[in-house]
Amino acid sequence: MANAGSRSRADRSTGAVTLQQVARQAGVSLATASRALHGAGGRSVGEELRRRVEAAAAELNYVSNGPAQALASATANVVGLIVHDVADPYFAAIAAGAMRVAREQRLMVMISATFREPGLELQYLRGLRAQRARAVVLAGSGAAGAADADRLAAEIAGFQEEGGRVVCIGDRGGELDTVAPDNRGGAASAVRALWERGHRRIGVVAGPPELTTVSDRLDGVRQALRELGGALPAERLVAADFTREGGRAATRRLFAQDPATTAVLALNDVMASGVLAALRQDLGLSVPGQVSVVGFDDVPYAADLRPALSTVRLPLAAAGAAAVRLILDEPVAGPRRIRLDAELVLRDSTGPAS
């Protein structure tokens, strides 16, 4: 079996050595290799890492892409904002916060929607890079184990090598600046509130399980139930699309599996609106008389639903604003992380267990 060095030398025979090959030879990420050789984003790496990357570059005869580096001084005053769905109030609130700060700084925000297709996220990032955008905010939840994850990481590293900035809203791992709403803590607070009101059979209506936002919120649910002496059996967890119809269909399935469920936690407010519809119109159950409901995010219409929806409030506009401010701030060594607290808001949809 060929070692990493021989593989890299074989790669080199097919054309110019790339930064990706240098990173592989040095055993580091693309972003780290870029910072070590180019100081991308103004960050630095440790001396040992820098020497390792420089040694790999020398061994492979890597030549830096000077024109690409020059792009940093020719970027447009455009910030790309990549979301899942512009019609979703969650992303609309994030966009509003981002655009407010961008306007103050005379930046233009270009919004793209992926409709939760990882390949489109990669495609949009490539397009923004080609347009010499100043920065990109990745506002959609990452997909755990997605096939495009490595290609997306490589594209981000190339964009950063050219002087671009990338900020994520929500945890994606890696070495990126991140604005992280407390999804786990928010979900746990909802479970504790329901438990305190006597609910022991708590059902969860969740979005697609491959999304990191969903997995983080489910982690918070399970952790809180463990601490309280409860559990989340498979029959009380139903996954569906992050939509109103997804929430409605998931609720019908939940109560078919466990009719004794006394409370439902929907992992976003759009789904929660479907939960309310299913309980009242499809199942003939009163809220909160027979079943309590809690949503997540506190989108603008949550308080206007009937009954008014209890929910976990996330500062979504503040998240968008914080992401753009990270872009505008002077770069520092190492990724930055801003945590935004969640707040449980109890309204008319939640009551004691019957």
Protein backbone atom coordinates (compact mmCIF):
# COMPACT_ATOMS: atom_id res chain seq x y z
CA MET A 1 0.00 0.00 0.00
CA ALA A 2 1.36 3.42 -0.93
CA ASN A 3 1.98 5.89 1.87
CA ALA A 4 0.68 9.46 1.93
CA GLY A 5 3.92 10.78 0.48
CA SER A 6 3.88 8.45 -2.52
CA ARG A 7 0.20 9.20 -3.15
CA SER A 8 0.95 12.92 -3.14
CA ARG A 9 3.87 12.50 -5.52
CA ALA A 10 1.63 10.49 -7.83
CA ASP A 11 -0.97 13.24 -7.68
CA ARG A 12 1.67 15.79 -8.54
CA SER A 13 2.47 14.01 -11.77
CA THR A 14 -1.02 14.78 -13.06
CA GLY A 15 -0.68 18.57 -12.78
CA ALA A 16 0.03 21.47 -10.46
CA VAL A 17 0.14 20.63 -6.79
CA THR A 18 -2.93 21.89 -4.94
CA LEU A 19 -3.30 23.19 -1.42
CA GLN A 20 -5.51 20.18 -0.72
CA GLN A 21 -2.58 17.86 -1.49
CA VAL A 22 -0.34 19.87 0.84
CA ALA A 23 -2.93 19.62 3.61
CA ARG A 24 -3.22 15.87 3.12
CA GLN A 25 0.57 15.45 3.15
CA ALA A 26 0.86 17.48 6.36
CA GLY A 27 -2.10 15.75 7.99
CA VAL A 28 -4.02 18.97 8.61
CA SER A 29 -7.26 20.54 7.40
CA LEU A 30 -7.40 22.71 4.31
CA ALA A 31 -8.18 25.75 6.45
CA THR A 32 -5.12 25.13 8.65
CA ALA A 33 -2.86 24.67 5.62
CA SER A 34 -4.19 27.90 4.14
CA ARG A 35 -3.55 29.85 7.32
CA ALA A 36 -0.09 28.36 7.73
CA LEU A 37 1.03 29.30 4.23
CA HIS A 38 -1.00 32.42 3.49
CA GLY A 39 -2.30 33.76 6.80
CA ALA A 40 -5.80 33.49 5.32
CA GLY A 41 -8.32 35.54 7.25
CA GLY A 42 -5.52 37.12 9.29
CA ARG A 43 -5.28 34.11 11.59
CA SER A 44 -2.18 32.26 12.70
CA VAL A 45 -1.35 28.68 13.56
CA GLY A 46 1.10 27.18 16.01
CA GLU A 47 4.77 27.08 15.13
CA GLU A 48 4.90 23.26 14.95
CA LEU A 49 1.91 23.13 12.60
CA ARG A 50 3.31 25.91 10.44
CA ARG A 51 6.63 24.09 10.04
CA ARG A 52 4.87 20.82 9.20
CA VAL A 53 2.78 22.49 6.49
CA GLU A 54 5.76 24.38 5.09
CA ALA A 55 7.76 21.15 4.95
CA ALA A 56 4.95 19.40 3.08
CA ALA A 57 4.70 22.32 0.65
CA ALA A 58 8.45 22.25 0.01
CA GLU A 59 8.48 18.47 -0.52
CA LEU A 60 5.66 18.71 -3.04
CA ASN A 61 7.05 21.86 -4.74
CA TYR A 62 3.78 23.64 -4.03
CA VAL A 63 3.50 27.08 -5.64
CA SER A 64 1.00 29.49 -4.08
CA ASN A 65 -1.73 30.83 -6.32
CA GLY A 66 -0.76 34.49 -6.34
CA PRO A 67 -3.70 35.71 -8.43
CA ALA A 68 -6.08 34.00 -6.07
CA GLN A 69 -4.47 35.76 -3.14
CA ALA A 70 -4.85 39.05 -4.95
CA LEU A 71 -8.60 38.57 -5.06
CA ALA A 72 -8.77 39.54 -1.40
CA SER A 73 -8.15 43.15 -2.39
CA ALA A 74 -10.74 43.04 -5.17
CA THR A 75 -13.77 41.60 -3.39
CA ALA A 76 -17.25 43.03 -3.87
CA ASN A 77 -19.23 44.51 -1.01
CA VAL A 78 -21.53 41.50 -1.10
CA VAL A 79 -22.32 39.08 1.71
CA GLY A 80 -23.87 35.80 0.71
CA LEU A 81 -26.54 34.39 3.03
CA ILE A 82 -27.33 30.74 2.35
CA VAL A 83 -30.52 29.46 4.00
CA HIS A 84 -32.77 26.44 3.59
CA ASP A 85 -36.06 28.18 2.78
CA VAL A 86 -36.76 31.91 2.48
CA ALA A 87 -40.45 31.27 3.24
CA ASP A 88 -39.61 29.75 6.63
CA PRO A 89 -40.05 32.41 9.37
CA TYR A 90 -36.93 31.05 11.11
CA PHE A 91 -34.71 32.04 8.20
CA ALA A 92 -36.66 35.21 7.49
CA ALA A 93 -35.85 36.44 11.00
CA ILE A 94 -32.16 35.58 10.60
CA ALA A 95 -32.08 37.38 7.26
CA ALA A 96 -33.70 40.48 8.75
CA GLY A 97 -31.00 40.75 11.41
CA ALA A 98 -28.20 40.15 8.92
CA MET A 99 -29.55 42.70 6.44
CA ARG A 100 -30.00 45.37 9.09
CA VAL A 101 -26.31 45.28 10.07
CA ALA A 102 -25.21 44.92 6.44
CA ARG A 103 -27.19 47.99 5.45
CA GLU A 104 -25.54 50.01 8.21
CA GLN A 105 -22.17 49.05 6.72
CA ARG A 106 -23.26 49.61 3.10
CA LEU A 107 -23.03 45.94 2.26
CA MET A 108 -25.45 44.09 0.01
CA VAL A 109 -26.84 40.74 1.11
CA MET A 110 -27.44 38.10 -1.55
CA ILE A 111 -29.80 35.36 -0.29
CA SER A 112 -29.86 31.83 -1.71
CA ALA A 113 -32.16 28.98 -0.65
CA THR A 114 -31.04 25.33 -0.74
CA PHE A 115 -34.38 23.69 0.14
CA ARG A 116 -32.23 21.41 2.29
CA GLU A 117 -30.25 19.99 -0.63
CA PRO A 118 -26.55 19.85 0.44
CA GLY A 119 -25.43 19.97 -3.19
CA LEU A 120 -27.08 23.35 -3.68
CA GLU A 121 -25.24 24.78 -0.69
CA LEU A 122 -21.97 23.82 -2.35
CA GLN A 123 -23.13 25.21 -5.68
CA TYR A 124 -24.13 28.56 -4.17
CA LEU A 125 -20.85 28.87 -2.29
CA ARG A 126 -18.95 28.30 -5.52
CA GLY A 127 -21.05 30.95 -7.24
CA LEU A 128 -20.46 33.50 -4.50
CA ARG A 129 -16.76 32.74 -4.60
CA ALA A 130 -16.74 33.31 -8.36
CA GLN A 131 -18.53 36.62 -7.81
CA ARG A 132 -15.79 37.61 -5.34
CA ALA A 133 -18.21 38.02 -2.46
CA ARG A 134 -16.64 39.44 0.65
CA ALA A 135 -18.11 36.78 2.94
CA VAL A 136 -20.69 34.03 3.26
CA VAL A 137 -23.03 33.22 6.14
CA LEU A 138 -24.15 29.59 6.23
CA ALA A 139 -27.46 29.82 8.08
CA GLY A 140 -28.90 26.40 7.30
CA SER A 141 -28.33 23.42 9.56
CA GLY A 142 -25.51 21.17 8.45
CA ALA A 143 -26.41 17.64 7.42
CA ALA A 144 -24.61 15.07 9.55
CA GLY A 145 -22.67 12.63 7.39
CA ALA A 146 -23.66 14.34 4.12
CA ALA A 147 -21.77 13.11 1.07
CA ASP A 148 -20.95 16.68 0.07
CA ALA A 149 -19.36 17.59 3.42
CA ASP A 150 -15.75 17.14 2.26
CA ARG A 151 -16.32 19.07 -0.96
CA LEU A 152 -18.00 21.87 0.97
CA ALA A 153 -15.05 22.02 3.39
CA ALA A 154 -12.64 22.20 0.46
CA GLU A 155 -14.64 25.01 -1.15
CA ILE A 156 -14.71 26.95 2.13
CA ALA A 157 -10.95 26.55 2.49
CA GLY A 158 -10.38 27.81 -1.04
CA PHE A 159 -12.64 30.79 -0.42
CA GLN A 160 -10.75 31.60 2.78
CA GLU A 161 -7.42 31.25 0.97
CA GLU A 162 -8.59 34.01 -1.36
CA GLY A 163 -9.41 36.25 1.61
CA GLY A 164 -13.12 35.42 1.96
CA ARG A 165 -14.78 35.05 5.34
CA VAL A 166 -17.24 32.34 6.36
CA VAL A 167 -19.52 32.32 9.40
CA CYS A 168 -21.94 29.58 10.40
CA ILE A 169 -25.20 29.96 12.31
CA GLY A 170 -25.52 26.72 14.25
CA ASP A 171 -22.95 24.06 15.03
CA ARG A 172 -21.17 22.50 12.06
CA GLY A 173 -17.89 21.52 13.63
CA GLY A 174 -14.61 22.39 11.96
CA GLU A 175 -12.64 25.59 12.33
CA LEU A 176 -15.22 28.21 11.37
CA ASP A 177 -16.52 31.26 13.18
CA THR A 178 -19.89 30.26 14.60
CA VAL A 179 -23.00 31.84 16.07
CA ALA A 180 -24.54 29.02 18.08
CA PRO A 181 -28.09 29.21 19.48
CA ASP A 182 -28.46 26.98 22.55
CA ASN A 183 -30.56 24.27 20.93
CA ARG A 184 -29.76 21.63 23.53
CA GLY A 185 -30.47 23.87 26.50
CA GLY A 186 -33.67 25.18 24.98
CA ALA A 187 -35.03 21.70 24.33
CA ALA A 188 -34.12 20.61 27.84
CA SER A 189 -35.94 23.58 29.38
CA ALA A 190 -39.12 22.67 27.46
CA VAL A 191 -39.00 19.08 28.71
CA ARG A 192 -38.45 20.19 32.31
CA ALA A 193 -41.40 22.60 32.13
CA LEU A 194 -43.69 19.85 30.86
CA TRP A 195 -42.42 17.41 33.49
CA GLU A 196 -43.07 19.94 36.26
CA ARG A 197 -46.69 20.10 35.07
CA GLY A 198 -47.13 16.38 35.48
CA HIS A 199 -46.48 15.22 31.91
CA ARG A 200 -44.72 11.86 31.78
CA ARG A 201 -45.67 10.72 28.27
CA ILE A 202 -44.03 13.44 26.21
CA GLY A 203 -43.99 12.94 22.46
CA VAL A 204 -41.57 14.66 20.10
CA VAL A 205 -42.30 15.72 16.54
CA ALA A 206 -38.92 16.26 14.90
CA GLY A 207 -37.51 17.38 11.57
CA PRO A 208 -35.16 15.33 9.35
CA PRO A 209 -32.77 13.44 11.68
CA GLU A 210 -29.70 14.13 9.52
CA LEU A 211 -29.83 17.86 10.32
CA THR A 212 -27.51 18.91 13.13
CA THR A 213 -30.15 21.28 14.53
CA VAL A 214 -32.51 18.33 14.95
CA SER A 215 -29.86 16.11 16.52
CA ASP A 216 -28.83 18.88 18.94
CA ARG A 217 -32.41 19.51 20.05
CA LEU A 218 -33.05 15.79 20.45
CA ASP A 219 -29.89 15.52 22.55
CA GLY A 220 -31.33 18.17 24.87
CA VAL A 221 -34.65 16.32 25.11
CA ARG A 222 -33.01 13.00 25.94
CA GLN A 223 -30.59 14.51 28.44
CA ALA A 224 -33.37 16.26 30.35
CA LEU A 225 -35.52 13.12 30.41
CA ARG A 226 -32.62 11.05 31.71
CA GLU A 227 -32.00 13.54 34.49
CA LEU A 228 -35.68 13.46 35.42
CA GLY A 229 -35.88 9.67 35.38
CA GLY A 230 -37.82 9.46 32.12
CA ALA A 231 -37.06 8.31 28.60
CA LEU A 232 -37.99 8.91 24.97
CA PRO A 233 -39.08 5.55 23.53
CA ALA A 234 -39.15 5.09 19.77
CA GLU A 235 -42.94 5.20 19.58
CA ARG A 236 -42.98 8.73 21.01
CA LEU A 237 -40.51 10.17 18.47
CA VAL A 238 -41.68 10.85 14.92
CA ALA A 239 -39.57 12.56 12.25
CA ALA A 240 -41.05 14.40 9.27
CA ASP A 241 -40.39 17.42 7.07
CA PHE A 242 -39.80 20.72 8.89
CA THR A 243 -43.16 21.99 7.59
CA ARG A 244 -46.73 22.51 8.79
CA GLU A 245 -47.94 19.45 6.87
CA GLY A 246 -44.98 17.49 8.18
CA GLY A 247 -45.98 18.35 11.75
CA ARG A 248 -49.61 17.46 11.10
CA ALA A 249 -48.81 14.06 9.60
CA ALA A 250 -46.26 13.29 12.31
CA THR A 251 -48.82 14.04 15.04
CA ARG A 252 -51.34 11.63 13.58
CA ARG A 253 -48.66 8.96 13.48
CA LEU A 254 -47.52 9.76 17.03
CA PHE A 255 -50.98 9.29 18.49
CA ALA A 256 -51.53 6.14 16.46
CA GLN A 257 -48.41 4.73 18.11
CA ASP A 258 -49.10 6.06 21.62
CA PRO A 259 -52.64 7.40 22.16
CA ALA A 260 -51.84 8.13 25.82
CA THR A 261 -49.37 10.92 24.97
CA THR A 262 -50.19 13.99 27.08
CA ALA A 263 -47.76 16.54 25.63
CA VAL A 264 -46.05 17.17 22.31
CA LEU A 265 -42.80 19.04 21.78
CA ALA A 266 -42.41 20.11 18.16
CA LEU A 267 -38.83 20.93 17.20
CA ASN A 268 -39.85 24.04 15.29
CA ASP A 269 -42.86 26.36 15.36
CA VAL A 270 -43.88 25.66 11.77
CA MET A 271 -44.29 22.00 12.66
CA ALA A 272 -46.07 23.00 15.88
CA SER A 273 -48.76 24.79 13.87
CA GLY A 274 -49.39 21.46 12.14
CA VAL A 275 -49.46 19.70 15.51
CA LEU A 276 -52.22 22.03 16.69
CA ALA A 277 -54.21 21.43 13.52
CA ALA A 278 -53.89 17.64 13.80
CA LEU A 279 -54.92 17.56 17.46
CA ARG A 280 -58.00 19.71 17.01
CA GLN A 281 -59.17 18.87 13.50
CA ASP A 282 -57.94 15.31 12.90
CA LEU A 283 -57.94 13.76 16.36
CA GLY A 284 -60.60 15.81 18.16
CA LEU A 285 -58.35 16.57 21.15
CA SER A 286 -58.40 19.88 23.03
CA VAL A 287 -55.30 21.96 23.66
CA PRO A 288 -54.22 22.28 26.42
CA GLY A 289 -57.13 20.45 28.11
CA GLN A 290 -56.13 17.01 26.86
CA VAL A 291 -52.74 17.60 25.22
CA SER A 292 -50.16 20.33 25.81
CA VAL A 293 -48.01 21.61 22.96
CA VAL A 294 -44.64 23.39 22.92
CA GLY A 295 -42.86 24.61 19.80
CA PHE A 296 -39.35 25.88 19.14
CA ASP A 297 -37.91 29.17 17.77
CA ASP A 298 -40.71 31.68 18.64
CA VAL A 299 -41.36 32.84 15.11
CA PRO A 300 -43.46 36.03 14.83
CA TYR A 301 -46.84 34.33 14.46
CA ALA A 302 -46.41 31.88 17.37
CA ALA A 303 -48.25 34.15 19.79
CA ASP A 304 -51.11 34.61 17.30
CA LEU A 305 -51.95 30.91 16.95
CA ARG A 306 -55.00 29.61 18.80
CA PRO A 307 -54.23 28.74 21.46
CA ALA A 308 -51.14 30.93 21.66
CA LEU A 309 -48.14 28.66 21.24
CA SER A 310 -45.71 28.00 24.07
CA THR A 311 -42.26 27.83 22.54
CA VAL A 312 -38.51 28.04 23.03
CA ARG A 313 -37.46 31.51 21.96
CA LEU A 314 -34.23 31.87 20.03
CA PRO A 315 -32.88 35.34 19.21
CA LEU A 316 -32.95 34.72 15.49
CA ALA A 317 -32.55 38.30 14.29
CA ALA A 318 -29.70 38.72 16.77
CA ALA A 319 -28.07 35.61 15.32
CA GLY A 320 -28.11 37.08 11.83
CA ALA A 321 -26.77 40.39 13.10
CA ALA A 322 -24.00 38.69 15.10
CA ALA A 323 -22.92 36.69 12.05
CA VAL A 324 -22.44 39.83 9.95
CA ARG A 325 -20.60 41.58 12.81
CA LEU A 326 -18.17 38.64 12.97
CA ILE A 327 -17.47 39.21 9.30
CA LEU A 328 -16.80 42.89 9.92
CA ASP A 329 -14.65 42.41 13.03
CA GLU A 330 -10.89 42.16 12.77
CA PRO A 331 -9.83 38.50 12.35
CA VAL A 332 -8.23 36.74 15.29
CA ALA A 333 -6.20 33.56 15.66
CA GLY A 334 -8.53 30.59 15.87
CA PRO A 335 -12.27 30.31 15.29
CA ARG A 336 -14.63 32.48 17.29
CA ARG A 337 -17.87 31.24 18.84
CA ILE A 338 -20.82 33.32 20.02
CA ARG A 339 -23.43 31.47 22.05
CA LEU A 340 -26.99 32.79 22.11
CA ASP A 341 -29.19 31.70 25.00
CA ALA A 342 -32.62 30.16 24.53
CA GLU A 343 -35.64 31.24 26.58
CA LEU A 344 -38.76 29.20 27.27
CA VAL A 345 -41.96 31.22 26.70
CA LEU A 346 -45.05 29.57 28.19
CA ARG A 347 -48.37 30.55 26.62
CA ASP A 348 -51.88 29.11 26.39
CA SER A 349 -50.98 25.85 24.61
CA THR A 350 -49.38 24.38 27.74
CA GLY A 351 -51.18 23.25 30.88
CA PRO A 352 -51.10 20.52 33.53
CA ALA A 353 -51.38 16.88 32.58
CA SER A 354 -54.96 15.67 32.62
